[in-house]
C-alpha atoms as a PDB file:
ATOM      1  CA  UNK A   1      93.889 198.003  57.424  1.00  0.00           C
ATOM      2  CA  UNK A   2      91.859 200.418  59.584  1.00  0.00           C
ATOM      3  CA  UNK A   3      89.039 197.930  59.938  1.00  0.00           C
ATOM      4  CA  UNK A   4      91.493 195.088  61.296  1.00  0.00           C
ATOM      5  CA  UNK A   5      93.131 197.500  63.678  1.00  0.00           C
ATOM      6  CA  UNK A   6      90.061 198.530  65.291  1.00  0.00           C
ATOM      7  CA  UNK A   7      88.767 194.830  66.057  1.00  0.00           C
ATOM      8  CA  UNK A   8      91.605 193.980  67.960  1.00  0.00           C
ATOM      9  CA  UNK A   9      91.576 196.875  70.381  1.00  0.00           C
ATOM     10  CA  UNK A  10      90.586 195.411  74.129  1.00  0.00           C
ATOM     11  CA  UNK A  11      89.957 197.943  76.527  1.00  0.00           C
ATOM     12  CA  UNK A  12      87.842 198.060  79.963  1.00  0.00           C
ATOM     13  CA  UNK A  13      87.698 196.051  83.276  1.00  0.00           C
ATOM     14  CA  UNK A  14      85.774 193.131  84.036  1.00  0.00           C
ATOM     15  CA  UNK A  15      85.219 191.185  87.243  1.00  0.00           C
ATOM     16  CA  UNK A  16      85.654 187.478  86.807  1.00  0.00           C
ATOM     17  CA  UNK A  17      85.620 184.366  88.579  1.00  0.00           C
ATOM     18  CA  UNK A  18      88.079 181.405  88.070  1.00  0.00           C
ATOM     19  CA  UNK A  19      86.716 178.112  88.785  1.00  0.00           C
ATOM     20  CA  UNK A  20      88.266 175.559  90.805  1.00  0.00           C
ATOM     21  CA  UNK A  21      90.157 174.262  87.773  1.00  0.00           C
ATOM     22  CA  UNK A  22      91.659 177.679  87.066  1.00  0.00           C
ATOM     23  CA  UNK A  23      89.590 178.405  84.276  1.00  0.00           C
ATOM     24  CA  UNK A  24      87.971 181.804  83.252  1.00  0.00           C
ATOM     25  CA  UNK A  25      85.722 182.458  80.722  1.00  0.00           C
ATOM     26  CA  UNK A  26      86.195 185.639  78.549  1.00  0.00           C
ATOM     27  CA  UNK A  27      83.668 188.070  78.639  1.00  0.00           C
ATOM     28  CA  UNK A  28      81.496 187.748  75.457  1.00  0.00           C
ATOM     29  CA  UNK A  29      82.293 190.964  73.872  1.00  0.00           C
ATOM     30  CA  UNK A  30      85.670 189.969  73.615  1.00  0.00           C
ATOM     31  CA  UNK A  31      85.306 186.411  71.988  1.00  0.00           C
ATOM     32  CA  UNK A  32      84.587 187.119  68.402  1.00  0.00           C
ATOM     33  CA  UNK A  33      87.417 189.538  68.328  1.00  0.00           C
ATOM     34  CA  UNK A  34      89.682 187.030  69.905  1.00  0.00           C
ATOM     35  CA  UNK A  35      88.323 184.215  66.873  1.00  0.00           C
ATOM     36  CA  UNK A  36      89.035 186.725  64.424  1.00  0.00           C
ATOM     37  CA  UNK A  37      92.154 187.799  65.583  1.00  0.00           C
ATOM     38  CA  UNK A  38      93.989 184.381  66.607  1.00  0.00           C
ATOM     39  CA  UNK A  39      91.514 181.814  66.134  1.00  0.00           C
ATOM     40  CA  UNK A  40      91.332 181.689  69.947  1.00  0.00           C
ATOM     41  CA  UNK A  41      94.989 180.862  70.363  1.00  0.00           C
ATOM     42  CA  UNK A  42      96.307 182.939  73.472  1.00  0.00           C
ATOM     43  CA  UNK A  43      99.434 183.396  75.201  1.00  0.00           C
ATOM     44  CA  UNK A  44      99.538 183.985  78.663  1.00  0.00           C
ATOM     45  CA  UNK A  45     102.936 184.835  80.657  1.00  0.00           C
ATOM     46  CA  UNK A  46     103.992 187.000  83.951  1.00  0.00           C
ATOM     47  CA  UNK A  47     104.598 190.808  84.444  1.00  0.00           C
ATOM     48  CA  UNK A  48     106.714 192.278  87.013  1.00  0.00           C
ATOM     49  CA  UNK A  49     103.903 193.781  88.861  1.00  0.00           C
ATOM     50  CA  UNK A  50     102.790 189.916  89.461  1.00  0.00           C
ATOM     51  CA  UNK A  51      99.748 190.199  87.243  1.00  0.00           C
ATOM     52  CA  UNK A  52      99.321 188.194  84.303  1.00  0.00           C
ATOM     53  CA  UNK A  53      99.758 189.232  80.594  1.00  0.00           C
ATOM     54  CA  UNK A  54      97.165 187.740  78.085  1.00  0.00           C
ATOM     55  CA  UNK A  55      97.995 187.962  74.320  1.00  0.00           C
ATOM     56  CA  UNK A  56      96.530 186.700  70.981  1.00  0.00           C
ATOM     57  CA  UNK A  57      99.201 184.582  69.654  1.00  0.00           C
ATOM     58  CA  UNK A  58     100.044 186.807  66.761  1.00  0.00           C
ATOM     59  CA  UNK A  59     100.785 189.711  68.979  1.00  0.00           C
ATOM     60  CA  UNK A  60     102.503 187.844  71.503  1.00  0.00           C
ATOM     61  CA  UNK A  61     105.049 186.342  68.704  1.00  0.00           C
ATOM     62  CA  UNK A  62     105.937 189.847  67.894  1.00  0.00           C
ATOM     63  CA  UNK A  63     106.624 190.848  71.673  1.00  0.00           C
ATOM     64  CA  UNK A  64     108.983 187.794  71.914  1.00  0.00           C
ATOM     65  CA  UNK A  65     111.025 188.537  69.066  1.00  0.00           C
ATOM     66  CA  UNK A  66     111.797 191.789  70.508  1.00  0.00           C
ATOM     67  CA  UNK A  67     112.298 190.258  73.603  1.00  0.00           C
ATOM     68  CA  UNK A  68     114.808 187.867  72.248  1.00  0.00           C
ATOM     69  CA  UNK A  69     116.741 190.456  70.674  1.00  0.00           C
ATOM     70  CA  UNK A  70     117.340 192.253  73.572  1.00  0.00           C
ATOM     71  CA  UNK A  71     121.492 191.860  74.576  1.00  0.00           C
ATOM     72  CA  UNK A  72     121.827 188.729  76.541  1.00  0.00           C
ATOM     73  CA  UNK A  73     124.722 189.981  78.439  1.00  0.00           C
ATOM     74  CA  UNK A  74     122.540 192.608  80.137  1.00  0.00           C
ATOM     75  CA  UNK A  75     121.230 191.512  83.381  1.00  0.00           C
ATOM     76  CA  UNK A  76     117.894 193.181  83.270  1.00  0.00           C
ATOM     77  CA  UNK A  77     117.453 191.860  79.919  1.00  0.00           C
ATOM     78  CA  UNK A  78     118.066 188.581  80.709  1.00  0.00           C
ATOM     79  CA  UNK A  79     115.647 188.658  83.684  1.00  0.00           C
ATOM     80  CA  UNK A  80     113.163 189.774  81.518  1.00  0.00           C
ATOM     81  CA  UNK A  81     113.442 187.272  79.090  1.00  0.00           C
ATOM     82  CA  UNK A  82     113.332 184.423  81.840  1.00  0.00           C
ATOM     83  CA  UNK A  83     110.366 185.929  83.298  1.00  0.00           C
ATOM     84  CA  UNK A  84     108.139 186.963  80.213  1.00  0.00           C
ATOM     85  CA  UNK A  85     109.529 184.132  77.810  1.00  0.00           C
ATOM     86  CA  UNK A  86     110.243 181.363  80.523  1.00  0.00           C
ATOM     87  CA  UNK A  87     106.724 181.526  81.917  1.00  0.00           C
ATOM     88  CA  UNK A  88     104.978 182.166  78.644  1.00  0.00           C
ATOM     89  CA  UNK A  89     102.141 179.574  77.910  1.00  0.00           C
ATOM     90  CA  UNK A  90     100.196 178.906  74.923  1.00  0.00           C
ATOM     91  CA  UNK A  91      96.454 178.544  75.811  1.00  0.00           C
ATOM     92  CA  UNK A  92      93.084 177.753  73.856  1.00  0.00           C
ATOM     93  CA  UNK A  93      89.784 179.294  73.878  1.00  0.00           C
ATOM     94  CA  UNK A  94      87.260 176.455  74.257  1.00  0.00           C
ATOM     95  CA  UNK A  95      83.737 176.196  72.818  1.00  0.00           C
ATOM     96  CA  UNK A  96      82.641 178.192  76.107  1.00  0.00           C
ATOM     97  CA  UNK A  97      84.892 180.757  75.505  1.00  0.00           C
ATOM     98  CA  UNK A  98      87.275 179.639  78.369  1.00  0.00           C
ATOM     99  CA  UNK A  99      91.052 179.218  78.991  1.00  0.00           C
ATOM    100  CA  UNK A 100      92.820 177.199  81.580  1.00  0.00           C
ATOM    101  CA  UNK A 101      95.519 179.440  83.614  1.00  0.00           C
ATOM    102  CA  UNK A 102      98.277 177.156  84.505  1.00  0.00           C
ATOM    103  CA  UNK A 103      98.716 176.574  88.278  1.00  0.00           C
ATOM    104  CA  UNK A 104     102.190 177.836  88.092  1.00  0.00           C
ATOM    105  CA  UNK A 105     100.896 181.333  86.458  1.00  0.00           C
ATOM    106  CA  UNK A 106      97.840 181.467  88.941  1.00  0.00           C
ATOM    107  CA  UNK A 107     100.569 181.107  92.096  1.00  0.00           C
ATOM    108  CA  UNK A 108     102.672 183.962  90.576  1.00  0.00           C
ATOM    109  CA  UNK A 109      99.834 186.462  90.335  1.00  0.00           C
ATOM    110  CA  UNK A 110      98.092 184.873  93.692  1.00  0.00           C
ATOM    111  CA  UNK A 111      95.068 184.439  91.580  1.00  0.00           C
ATOM    112  CA  UNK A 112      92.466 182.544  93.745  1.00  0.00           C
ATOM    113  CA  UNK A 113      89.011 183.246  92.370  1.00  0.00           C
ATOM    114  CA  UNK A 114      88.113 186.601  92.445  1.00  0.00           C
ATOM    115  CA  UNK A 115      89.912 188.296  89.310  1.00  0.00           C
ATOM    116  CA  UNK A 116      89.912 191.367  87.045  1.00  0.00           C
ATOM    117  CA  UNK A 117      90.673 191.455  83.485  1.00  0.00           C
ATOM    118  CA  UNK A 118      91.864 194.544  81.621  1.00  0.00           C
ATOM    119  CA  UNK A 119      91.925 195.119  78.033  1.00  0.00           C
ATOM    120  CA  UNK A 120      94.919 196.829  77.488  1.00  0.00           C
ATOM    121  CA  UNK A 121      94.855 197.344  73.448  1.00  0.00           C
ATOM    122  CA  UNK A 122      96.465 194.638  72.225  1.00  0.00           C
ATOM    123  CA  UNK A 123      96.552 192.478  75.605  1.00  0.00           C
ATOM    124  CA  UNK A 124      94.719 191.689  78.691  1.00  0.00           C
ATOM    125  CA  UNK A 125      95.951 192.098  82.076  1.00  0.00           C
ATOM    126  CA  UNK A 126      94.545 189.960  84.492  1.00  0.00           C
ATOM    127  CA  UNK A 127      94.966 190.338  88.265  1.00  0.00           C
ATOM    128  CA  UNK A 128      93.686 189.002  91.727  1.00  0.00           C
ATOM    129  CA  UNK A 129      91.122 191.349  92.461  1.00  0.00           C
ATOM    130  CA  UNK A 130      92.473 191.910  96.181  1.00  0.00           C
ATOM    131  CA  UNK A 131      95.983 192.462  94.849  1.00  0.00           C
ATOM    132  CA  UNK A 132      94.623 195.097  91.977  1.00  0.00           C
ATOM    133  CA  UNK A 133      92.457 196.740  94.742  1.00  0.00           C
ATOM    134  CA  UNK A 134      95.631 197.015  96.700  1.00  0.00           C
ATOM    135  CA  UNK A 135      98.092 198.330  93.827  1.00  0.00           C
ATOM    136  CA  UNK A 136      95.630 200.803  92.530  1.00  0.00           C
ATOM    137  CA  UNK A 137      94.819 202.090  96.347  1.00  0.00           C
ATOM    138  CA  UNK A 138      98.758 202.379  96.474  1.00  0.00           C
ATOM    139  CA  UNK A 139      99.216 204.087  93.177  1.00  0.00           C
ATOM    140  CA  UNK A 140      96.635 206.601  93.833  1.00  0.00           C
ATOM    141  CA  UNK A 141      97.789 207.412  97.278  1.00  0.00           C
ATOM    142  CA  UNK A 142     101.167 208.128  95.982  1.00  0.00           C
ATOM    143  CA  UNK A 143     101.952 211.721  95.109  1.00  0.00           C
ATOM    144  CA  UNK A 144     105.540 211.484  95.588  1.00  0.00           C
ATOM    145  CA  UNK A 145     107.904 212.285  92.636  1.00  0.00           C
ATOM    146  CA  UNK A 146     109.766 208.994  91.997  1.00  0.00           C
ATOM    147  CA  UNK A 147     112.129 210.405  89.645  1.00  0.00           C
ATOM    148  CA  UNK A 148     110.430 209.018  86.644  1.00  0.00           C
ATOM    149  CA  UNK A 149     109.578 211.309  84.366  1.00  0.00           C
ATOM    150  CA  UNK A 150     106.698 211.079  81.736  1.00  0.00           C
ATOM    151  CA  UNK A 151     107.926 210.623  77.993  1.00  0.00           C
ATOM    152  CA  UNK A 152     107.551 214.066  76.450  1.00  0.00           C
ATOM    153  CA  UNK A 153     104.753 213.222  73.805  1.00  0.00           C
ATOM    154  CA  UNK A 154     102.690 212.167  77.062  1.00  0.00           C
ATOM    155  CA  UNK A 155     103.389 215.386  78.859  1.00  0.00           C
ATOM    156  CA  UNK A 156     101.601 217.115  75.935  1.00  0.00           C
ATOM    157  CA  UNK A 157      98.430 214.581  76.432  1.00  0.00           C
ATOM    158  CA  UNK A 158      95.049 216.192  77.591  1.00  0.00           C
ATOM    159  CA  UNK A 159      92.026 214.308  79.098  1.00  0.00           C
END
């Protein structure tokens, strides 16, 4: 299990270009891991931060089960289900290591040509490069206390 867990960790930032059809080529360093983890079968969905989330299919299926177990009478739960499950699209890596991002998802994330793909453990985030730069700058400049406390175990983390 240790070997398998190590082989499915995705990390790092990569600038990528979407072609005219909306395809992106996964960096070569991820392709073997994606083939081993999910045979190149992925799910792409939206994130409330206006980026896209890309999961290996088995990891998405686990997230989807958790989302669908949320209380359906809770308005925030329903919104999250509608967004994440409603926009979820199954994608397959082609023989060149590319996926086609559906137009609706590209529009949601304002993806044009220049994008950034972030490995985030068991998933990827895909951001329009300009939006990411603006968001990152905003986060880095924001030194106000927004009232959101770090979880206790994160308060003990040192870098």
